[in-house]
């Protein structure tokens, strides 16, 4: 687990080929009297690559977690996984 101090640091980690993000749990520290900034993290579908807008469909395969934008992408990914193409 890594502590990330800024959005730019998170973005650089997310774009890195050397790191696989399994879970992002934003924790925001609010100083009394200051308004917290909204943080929005974009996830992409592991099947079609589209941005996931709503709650993702989640599939666990071994030690990996996959996220999908819709039931169709999840179903098609499961077919690939069953054939060993993942």
PDB file of N, CA and C in Angstrom:
ATOM      1  N   UNK A   1       0.845  -1.162   0.000  1.00  0.00           N
ATOM      2  CA  UNK A   1       0.000   0.000   0.000  1.00  0.00           C
ATOM      3  C   UNK A   1       0.893   1.228   0.000  1.00  0.00           C
ATOM      4  N   UNK A   2       0.476   2.218  -0.779  1.00  0.00           N
ATOM      5  CA  UNK A   2       1.262   3.448  -0.866  1.00  0.00           C
ATOM      6  C   UNK A   2       0.397   4.633  -0.483  1.00  0.00           C
ATOM      7  N   UNK A   3       1.007   5.570   0.201  1.00  0.00           N
ATOM      8  CA  UNK A   3       0.322   6.821   0.503  1.00  0.00           C
ATOM      9  C   UNK A   3       0.688   7.822  -0.575  1.00  0.00           C
ATOM     10  N   UNK A   4      -0.310   8.400  -1.203  1.00  0.00           N
ATOM     11  CA  UNK A   4      -0.105   9.354  -2.278  1.00  0.00           C
ATOM     12  C   UNK A   4      -0.534  10.716  -1.768  1.00  0.00           C
ATOM     13  N   UNK A   5       0.342  11.686  -1.915  1.00  0.00           N
ATOM     14  CA  UNK A   5       0.131  12.993  -1.309  1.00  0.00           C
ATOM     15  C   UNK A   5      -0.584  13.998  -2.205  1.00  0.00           C
ATOM     16  N   UNK A   6      -0.678  13.734  -3.523  1.00  0.00           N
ATOM     17  CA  UNK A   6      -1.309  14.713  -4.406  1.00  0.00           C
ATOM     18  C   UNK A   6      -1.970  14.011  -5.585  1.00  0.00           C
ATOM     19  N   UNK A   7      -2.875  14.721  -6.225  1.00  0.00           N
ATOM     20  CA  UNK A   7      -3.560  14.195  -7.405  1.00  0.00           C
ATOM     21  C   UNK A   7      -2.564  13.972  -8.536  1.00  0.00           C
ATOM     22  N   UNK A   8      -1.597  14.868  -8.678  1.00  0.00           N
ATOM     23  CA  UNK A   8      -0.610  14.707  -9.754  1.00  0.00           C
ATOM     24  C   UNK A   8       0.238  13.459  -9.533  1.00  0.00           C
ATOM     25  N   UNK A   9       0.543  13.147  -8.277  1.00  0.00           N
ATOM     26  CA  UNK A   9       1.290  11.927  -7.979  1.00  0.00           C
ATOM     27  C   UNK A   9       0.458  10.689  -8.318  1.00  0.00           C
ATOM     28  N   UNK A  10      -0.846  10.720  -8.001  1.00  0.00           N
ATOM     29  CA  UNK A  10      -1.740   9.606  -8.334  1.00  0.00           C
ATOM     30  C   UNK A  10      -1.824   9.428  -9.841  1.00  0.00           C
ATOM     31  N   UNK A  11      -1.946  10.535 -10.571  1.00  0.00           N
ATOM     32  CA  UNK A  11      -2.039  10.473 -12.029  1.00  0.00           C
ATOM     33  C   UNK A  11      -0.773   9.864 -12.637  1.00  0.00           C
ATOM     34  N   UNK A  12       0.391  10.240 -12.136  1.00  0.00           N
ATOM     35  CA  UNK A  12       1.637   9.692 -12.683  1.00  0.00           C
ATOM     36  C   UNK A  12       1.759   8.200 -12.379  1.00  0.00           C
ATOM     37  N   UNK A  13       1.286   7.777 -11.218  1.00  0.00           N
ATOM     38  CA  UNK A  13       1.314   6.347 -10.880  1.00  0.00           C
ATOM     39  C   UNK A  13       0.327   5.588 -11.752  1.00  0.00           C
ATOM     40  N   UNK A  14      -0.864   6.160 -11.943  1.00  0.00           N
ATOM     41  CA  UNK A  14      -1.908   5.519 -12.740  1.00  0.00           C
ATOM     42  C   UNK A  14      -1.456   5.336 -14.192  1.00  0.00           C
ATOM     43  N   UNK A  15      -0.671   6.276 -14.718  1.00  0.00           N
ATOM     44  CA  UNK A  15      -0.222   6.221 -16.110  1.00  0.00           C
ATOM     45  C   UNK A  15       1.043   5.390 -16.291  1.00  0.00           C
ATOM     46  N   UNK A  16       1.667   4.974 -15.207  1.00  0.00           N
ATOM     47  CA  UNK A  16       2.904   4.210 -15.269  1.00  0.00           C
ATOM     48  C   UNK A  16       2.643   2.776 -15.725  1.00  0.00           C
ATOM     49  N   UNK A  17       3.542   2.240 -16.539  1.00  0.00           N
ATOM     50  CA  UNK A  17       3.426   0.849 -16.978  1.00  0.00           C
ATOM     51  C   UNK A  17       3.991  -0.117 -15.940  1.00  0.00           C
ATOM     52  N   UNK A  18       4.712   0.390 -14.962  1.00  0.00           N
ATOM     53  CA  UNK A  18       5.379  -0.458 -13.972  1.00  0.00           C
ATOM     54  C   UNK A  18       4.497  -0.803 -12.787  1.00  0.00           C
ATOM     55  N   UNK A  19       3.295  -0.206 -12.706  1.00  0.00           N
ATOM     56  CA  UNK A  19       2.446  -0.375 -11.534  1.00  0.00           C
ATOM     57  C   UNK A  19       1.059  -0.815 -11.971  1.00  0.00           C
ATOM     58  N   UNK A  20       0.501  -1.776 -11.248  1.00  0.00           N
ATOM     59  CA  UNK A  20      -0.871  -2.190 -11.478  1.00  0.00           C
ATOM     60  C   UNK A  20      -1.695  -1.749 -10.273  1.00  0.00           C
ATOM     61  N   UNK A  21      -2.656  -0.855 -10.499  1.00  0.00           N
ATOM     62  CA  UNK A  21      -3.496  -0.378  -9.413  1.00  0.00           C
ATOM     63  C   UNK A  21      -4.587  -1.398  -9.138  1.00  0.00           C
ATOM     64  N   UNK A  22      -4.657  -1.872  -7.911  1.00  0.00           N
ATOM     65  CA  UNK A  22      -5.695  -2.815  -7.525  1.00  0.00           C
ATOM     66  C   UNK A  22      -6.860  -2.110  -6.860  1.00  0.00           C
ATOM     67  N   UNK A  23      -6.553  -1.117  -6.059  1.00  0.00           N
ATOM     68  CA  UNK A  23      -7.596  -0.414  -5.328  1.00  0.00           C
ATOM     69  C   UNK A  23      -7.112   0.983  -4.975  1.00  0.00           C
ATOM     70  N   UNK A  24      -8.005   1.943  -5.111  1.00  0.00           N
ATOM     71  CA  UNK A  24      -7.697   3.308  -4.704  1.00  0.00           C
ATOM     72  C   UNK A  24      -8.713   3.691  -3.644  1.00  0.00           C
ATOM     73  N   UNK A  25      -8.242   4.030  -2.479  1.00  0.00           N
ATOM     74  CA  UNK A  25      -9.114   4.445  -1.378  1.00  0.00           C
ATOM     75  C   UNK A  25      -8.732   5.857  -0.967  1.00  0.00           C
ATOM     76  N   UNK A  26      -9.443   6.841  -1.523  1.00  0.00           N
ATOM     77  CA  UNK A  26      -9.083   8.218  -1.167  1.00  0.00           C
ATOM     78  C   UNK A  26      -9.429   8.537   0.282  1.00  0.00           C
ATOM     79  N   UNK A  27      -8.480   9.122   0.966  1.00  0.00           N
ATOM     80  CA  UNK A  27      -8.682   9.597   2.329  1.00  0.00           C
ATOM     81  C   UNK A  27      -8.327  11.074   2.312  1.00  0.00           C
ATOM     82  N   UNK A  28      -9.279  11.885   2.668  1.00  0.00           N
ATOM     83  CA  UNK A  28      -9.078  13.322   2.608  1.00  0.00           C
ATOM     84  C   UNK A  28      -9.037  13.872   4.019  1.00  0.00           C
ATOM     85  N   UNK A  29      -7.995  14.630   4.311  1.00  0.00           N
ATOM     86  CA  UNK A  29      -7.877  15.297   5.605  1.00  0.00           C
ATOM     87  C   UNK A  29      -8.424  16.708   5.433  1.00  0.00           C
ATOM     88  N   UNK A  30      -9.367  17.067   6.264  1.00  0.00           N
ATOM     89  CA  UNK A  30      -9.977  18.386   6.177  1.00  0.00           C
ATOM     90  C   UNK A  30      -9.565  19.192   7.401  1.00  0.00           C
ATOM     91  N   UNK A  31      -9.043  20.363   7.131  1.00  0.00           N
ATOM     92  CA  UNK A  31      -8.693  21.283   8.212  1.00  0.00           C
ATOM     93  C   UNK A  31      -9.959  22.074   8.527  1.00  0.00           C
ATOM     94  N   UNK A  32     -10.261  22.202   9.821  1.00  0.00           N
ATOM     95  CA  UNK A  32     -11.482  22.872  10.237  1.00  0.00           C
ATOM     96  C   UNK A  32     -11.585  24.243   9.582  1.00  0.00           C
ATOM     97  N   UNK A  33     -12.748  24.501   8.995  1.00  0.00           N
ATOM     98  CA  UNK A  33     -12.974  25.790   8.355  1.00  0.00           C
ATOM     99  C   UNK A  33     -12.649  25.787   6.872  1.00  0.00           C
ATOM    100  N   UNK A  34     -11.973  24.760   6.378  1.00  0.00           N
ATOM    101  CA  UNK A  34     -11.663  24.674   4.955  1.00  0.00           C
ATOM    102  C   UNK A  34     -12.581  23.656   4.305  1.00  0.00           C
ATOM    103  N   UNK A  35     -12.910  23.916   3.065  1.00  0.00           N
ATOM    104  CA  UNK A  35     -13.782  23.020   2.327  1.00  0.00           C
ATOM    105  C   UNK A  35     -12.928  22.004   1.570  1.00  0.00           C
ATOM    106  N   UNK A  36     -13.294  20.726   1.678  1.00  0.00           N
ATOM    107  CA  UNK A  36     -12.549  19.671   0.988  1.00  0.00           C
ATOM    108  C   UNK A  36     -12.817  19.727  -0.516  1.00  0.00           C
ATOM    109  N   UNK A  37     -11.794  19.433  -1.294  1.00  0.00           N
ATOM    110  CA  UNK A  37     -11.937  19.391  -2.743  1.00  0.00           C
ATOM    111  C   UNK A  37     -12.488  18.035  -3.153  1.00  0.00           C
ATOM    112  N   UNK A  38     -13.439  18.014  -4.081  1.00  0.00           N
ATOM    113  CA  UNK A  38     -13.956  16.720  -4.542  1.00  0.00           C
ATOM    114  C   UNK A  38     -12.893  16.011  -5.380  1.00  0.00           C
ATOM    115  N   UNK A  39     -12.723  14.733  -5.150  1.00  0.00           N
ATOM    116  CA  UNK A  39     -11.746  13.942  -5.897  1.00  0.00           C
ATOM    117  C   UNK A  39     -12.505  12.893  -6.695  1.00  0.00           C
ATOM    118  N   UNK A  40     -12.220  12.844  -7.980  1.00  0.00           N
ATOM    119  CA  UNK A  40     -12.876  11.882  -8.840  1.00  0.00           C
ATOM    120  C   UNK A  40     -11.792  11.094  -9.569  1.00  0.00           C
ATOM    121  N   UNK A  41     -11.818   9.778  -9.409  1.00  0.00           N
ATOM    122  CA  UNK A  41     -10.837   8.923 -10.059  1.00  0.00           C
ATOM    123  C   UNK A  41     -11.543   8.181 -11.184  1.00  0.00           C
ATOM    124  N   UNK A  42     -10.993   8.267 -12.380  1.00  0.00           N
ATOM    125  CA  UNK A  42     -11.591   7.581 -13.526  1.00  0.00           C
ATOM    126  C   UNK A  42     -11.055   6.151 -13.610  1.00  0.00           C
ATOM    127  N   UNK A  43     -11.981   5.239 -13.849  1.00  0.00           N
ATOM    128  CA  UNK A  43     -11.613   3.849 -14.107  1.00  0.00           C
ATOM    129  C   UNK A  43     -12.031   3.515 -15.519  1.00  0.00           C
ATOM    130  N   UNK A  44     -11.267   2.651 -16.162  1.00  0.00           N
ATOM    131  CA  UNK A  44     -11.602   2.207 -17.509  1.00  0.00           C
ATOM    132  C   UNK A  44     -11.989   0.732 -17.460  1.00  0.00           C
ATOM    133  N   UNK A  45     -12.920   0.364 -18.327  1.00  0.00           N
ATOM    134  CA  UNK A  45     -13.381  -1.012 -18.429  1.00  0.00           C
ATOM    135  C   UNK A  45     -12.221  -1.894 -18.874  1.00  0.00           C
ATOM    136  N   UNK A  46     -12.022  -3.012 -18.186  1.00  0.00           N
ATOM    137  CA  UNK A  46     -10.938  -3.931 -18.526  1.00  0.00           C
ATOM    138  C   UNK A  46     -11.238  -4.749 -19.781  1.00  0.00           C
ATOM    139  N   UNK A  47     -12.440  -4.618 -20.334  1.00  0.00           N
ATOM    140  CA  UNK A  47     -12.751  -5.338 -21.571  1.00  0.00           C
ATOM    141  C   UNK A  47     -12.735  -4.397 -22.774  1.00  0.00           C
ATOM    142  N   UNK A  48     -13.545  -3.331 -22.723  1.00  0.00           N
ATOM    143  CA  UNK A  48     -13.669  -2.462 -23.901  1.00  0.00           C
ATOM    144  C   UNK A  48     -12.837  -1.182 -23.808  1.00  0.00           C
ATOM    145  N   UNK A  49     -12.380  -0.831 -22.599  1.00  0.00           N
ATOM    146  CA  UNK A  49     -11.545   0.354 -22.435  1.00  0.00           C
ATOM    147  C   UNK A  49     -12.294   1.659 -22.217  1.00  0.00           C
ATOM    148  N   UNK A  50     -13.638   1.615 -22.219  1.00  0.00           N
ATOM    149  CA  UNK A  50     -14.415   2.837 -21.991  1.00  0.00           C
ATOM    150  C   UNK A  50     -14.288   3.290 -20.541  1.00  0.00           C
ATOM    151  N   UNK A  51     -14.489   4.597 -20.316  1.00  0.00           N
ATOM    152  CA  UNK A  51     -14.549   5.121 -18.950  1.00  0.00           C
ATOM    153  C   UNK A  51     -15.754   4.519 -18.245  1.00  0.00           C
ATOM    154  N   UNK A  52     -15.575   4.124 -16.988  1.00  0.00           N
ATOM    155  CA  UNK A  52     -16.682   3.597 -16.198  1.00  0.00           C
ATOM    156  C   UNK A  52     -17.336   4.781 -15.509  1.00  0.00           C
ATOM    157  N   UNK A  53     -18.596   5.033 -15.850  1.00  0.00           N
ATOM    158  CA  UNK A  53     -19.329   6.194 -15.344  1.00  0.00           C
ATOM    159  C   UNK A  53     -20.036   5.862 -14.032  1.00  0.00           C
ATOM    160  N   UNK A  54     -20.728   4.747 -13.995  1.00  0.00           N
ATOM    161  CA  UNK A  54     -21.500   4.356 -12.815  1.00  0.00           C
ATOM    162  C   UNK A  54     -20.699   3.348 -11.993  1.00  0.00           C
ATOM    163  N   UNK A  55     -21.348   2.708 -11.037  1.00  0.00           N
ATOM    164  CA  UNK A  55     -20.666   1.679 -10.245  1.00  0.00           C
ATOM    165  C   UNK A  55     -20.188   0.573 -11.171  1.00  0.00           C
ATOM    166  N   UNK A  56     -18.925   0.158 -11.042  1.00  0.00           N
ATOM    167  CA  UNK A  56     -18.403  -0.868 -11.937  1.00  0.00           C
ATOM    168  C   UNK A  56     -18.925  -2.264 -11.584  1.00  0.00           C
ATOM    169  N   UNK A  57     -18.945  -3.126 -12.582  1.00  0.00           N
ATOM    170  CA  UNK A  57     -19.169  -4.549 -12.364  1.00  0.00           C
ATOM    171  C   UNK A  57     -17.790  -5.117 -12.060  1.00  0.00           C
ATOM    172  N   UNK A  58     -17.657  -5.877 -10.984  1.00  0.00           N
ATOM    173  CA  UNK A  58     -16.352  -6.332 -10.507  1.00  0.00           C
ATOM    174  C   UNK A  58     -16.258  -7.847 -10.670  1.00  0.00           C
ATOM    175  N   UNK A  59     -15.079  -8.312 -11.110  1.00  0.00           N
ATOM    176  CA  UNK A  59     -14.832  -9.742 -11.292  1.00  0.00           C
ATOM    177  C   UNK A  59     -13.458 -10.065 -10.722  1.00  0.00           C
ATOM    178  N   UNK A  60     -13.398 -11.070  -9.865  1.00  0.00           N
ATOM    179  CA  UNK A  60     -12.151 -11.503  -9.244  1.00  0.00           C
ATOM    180  C   UNK A  60     -11.664 -12.751  -9.966  1.00  0.00           C
ATOM    181  N   UNK A  61     -10.419 -12.732 -10.400  1.00  0.00           N
ATOM    182  CA  UNK A  61      -9.828 -13.878 -11.074  1.00  0.00           C
ATOM    183  C   UNK A  61      -8.443 -14.092 -10.477  1.00  0.00           C
ATOM    184  N   UNK A  62      -8.314 -15.167  -9.691  1.00  0.00           N
ATOM    185  CA  UNK A  62      -7.058 -15.387  -8.984  1.00  0.00           C
ATOM    186  C   UNK A  62      -6.827 -14.247  -8.010  1.00  0.00           C
ATOM    187  N   UNK A  63      -5.666 -13.628  -8.103  1.00  0.00           N
ATOM    188  CA  UNK A  63      -5.345 -12.510  -7.203  1.00  0.00           C
ATOM    189  C   UNK A  63      -5.623 -11.146  -7.844  1.00  0.00           C
ATOM    190  N   UNK A  64      -6.237 -11.150  -9.034  1.00  0.00           N
ATOM    191  CA  UNK A  64      -6.505  -9.891  -9.732  1.00  0.00           C
ATOM    192  C   UNK A  64      -7.974  -9.514  -9.644  1.00  0.00           C
ATOM    193  N   UNK A  65      -8.217  -8.213  -9.712  1.00  0.00           N
ATOM    194  CA  UNK A  65      -9.571  -7.669  -9.712  1.00  0.00           C
ATOM    195  C   UNK A  65      -9.760  -6.914 -11.019  1.00  0.00           C
ATOM    196  N   UNK A  66     -10.858  -7.205 -11.706  1.00  0.00           N
ATOM    197  CA  UNK A  66     -11.159  -6.559 -12.980  1.00  0.00           C
ATOM    198  C   UNK A  66     -12.441  -5.745 -12.836  1.00  0.00           C
ATOM    199  N   UNK A  67     -12.506  -4.610 -13.546  1.00  0.00           N
ATOM    200  CA  UNK A  67     -13.655  -3.720 -13.493  1.00  0.00           C
ATOM    201  C   UNK A  67     -14.242  -3.557 -14.894  1.00  0.00           C
ATOM    202  N   UNK A  68     -15.576  -3.562 -14.957  1.00  0.00           N
ATOM    203  CA  UNK A  68     -16.254  -3.489 -16.249  1.00  0.00           C
ATOM    204  C   UNK A  68     -17.362  -2.450 -16.223  1.00  0.00           C
ATOM    205  N   UNK A  69     -17.625  -1.853 -17.392  1.00  0.00           N
ATOM    206  CA  UNK A  69     -18.624  -0.794 -17.497  1.00  0.00           C
ATOM    207  C   UNK A  69     -20.047  -1.328 -17.582  1.00  0.00           C
ATOM    208  N   UNK A  70     -20.206  -2.574 -18.019  1.00  0.00           N
ATOM    209  CA  UNK A  70     -21.551  -3.125 -18.196  1.00  0.00           C
ATOM    210  C   UNK A  70     -21.529  -4.644 -18.080  1.00  0.00           C
ATOM    211  N   UNK A  71     -22.716  -5.234 -18.002  1.00  0.00           N
ATOM    212  CA  UNK A  71     -22.838  -6.688 -17.875  1.00  0.00           C
ATOM    213  C   UNK A  71     -22.335  -7.401 -19.129  1.00  0.00           C
ATOM    214  N   UNK A  72     -22.484  -6.773 -20.282  1.00  0.00           N
ATOM    215  CA  UNK A  72     -22.027  -7.382 -21.531  1.00  0.00           C
ATOM    216  C   UNK A  72     -20.506  -7.550 -21.529  1.00  0.00           C
ATOM    217  N   UNK A  73     -19.780  -6.511 -21.135  1.00  0.00           N
ATOM    218  CA  UNK A  73     -18.319  -6.595 -21.083  1.00  0.00           C
ATOM    219  C   UNK A  73     -17.874  -7.639 -20.064  1.00  0.00           C
ATOM    220  N   UNK A  74     -18.556  -7.697 -18.921  1.00  0.00           N
ATOM    221  CA  UNK A  74     -18.236  -8.699 -17.910  1.00  0.00           C
ATOM    222  C   UNK A  74     -18.449 -10.097 -18.464  1.00  0.00           C
ATOM    223  N   UNK A  75     -19.590 -10.327 -19.119  1.00  0.00           N
ATOM    224  CA  UNK A  75     -19.897 -11.647 -19.687  1.00  0.00           C
ATOM    225  C   UNK A  75     -18.848 -12.057 -20.724  1.00  0.00           C
ATOM    226  N   UNK A  76     -18.497 -11.134 -21.621  1.00  0.00           N
ATOM    227  CA  UNK A  76     -17.519 -11.453 -22.672  1.00  0.00           C
ATOM    228  C   UNK A  76     -16.132 -11.714 -22.075  1.00  0.00           C
ATOM    229  N   UNK A  77     -15.769 -10.965 -21.036  1.00  0.00           N
ATOM    230  CA  UNK A  77     -14.487 -11.189 -20.375  1.00  0.00           C
ATOM    231  C   UNK A  77     -14.459 -12.569 -19.722  1.00  0.00           C
ATOM    232  N   UNK A  78     -15.582 -12.961 -19.090  1.00  0.00           N
ATOM    233  CA  UNK A  78     -15.655 -14.289 -18.461  1.00  0.00           C
ATOM    234  C   UNK A  78     -15.472 -15.390 -19.493  1.00  0.00           C
ATOM    235  N   UNK A  79     -16.005 -15.200 -20.705  1.00  0.00           N
ATOM    236  CA  UNK A  79     -15.814 -16.181 -21.783  1.00  0.00           C
ATOM    237  C   UNK A  79     -14.326 -16.312 -22.116  1.00  0.00           C
ATOM    238  N   UNK A  80     -13.640 -15.161 -22.224  1.00  0.00           N
ATOM    239  CA  UNK A  80     -12.196 -15.194 -22.506  1.00  0.00           C
ATOM    240  C   UNK A  80     -11.439 -15.886 -21.381  1.00  0.00           C
ATOM    241  N   UNK A  81     -11.813 -15.578 -20.150  1.00  0.00           N
ATOM    242  CA  UNK A  81     -11.138 -16.176 -18.985  1.00  0.00           C
ATOM    243  C   UNK A  81     -11.349 -17.689 -18.959  1.00  0.00           C
ATOM    244  N   UNK A  82     -12.537 -18.128 -19.299  1.00  0.00           N
ATOM    245  CA  UNK A  82     -12.843 -19.565 -19.299  1.00  0.00           C
ATOM    246  C   UNK A  82     -11.986 -20.307 -20.316  1.00  0.00           C
ATOM    247  N   UNK A  83     -11.696 -19.646 -21.451  1.00  0.00           N
ATOM    248  CA  UNK A  83     -10.844 -20.249 -22.493  1.00  0.00           C
ATOM    249  C   UNK A  83      -9.356 -20.074 -22.196  1.00  0.00           C
ATOM    250  N   UNK A  84      -9.047 -19.334 -21.117  1.00  0.00           N
ATOM    251  CA  UNK A  84      -7.650 -19.113 -20.760  1.00  0.00           C
ATOM    252  C   UNK A  84      -6.977 -18.015 -21.556  1.00  0.00           C
ATOM    253  N   UNK A  85      -7.757 -17.115 -22.126  1.00  0.00           N
ATOM    254  CA  UNK A  85      -7.214 -16.030 -22.953  1.00  0.00           C
ATOM    255  C   UNK A  85      -7.017 -14.730 -22.191  1.00  0.00           C
ATOM    256  N   UNK A  86      -6.955 -14.794 -20.874  1.00  0.00           N
ATOM    257  CA  UNK A  86      -6.765 -13.578 -20.078  1.00  0.00           C
ATOM    258  C   UNK A  86      -5.385 -13.606 -19.472  1.00  0.00           C
TER     259      UNK A  86
END
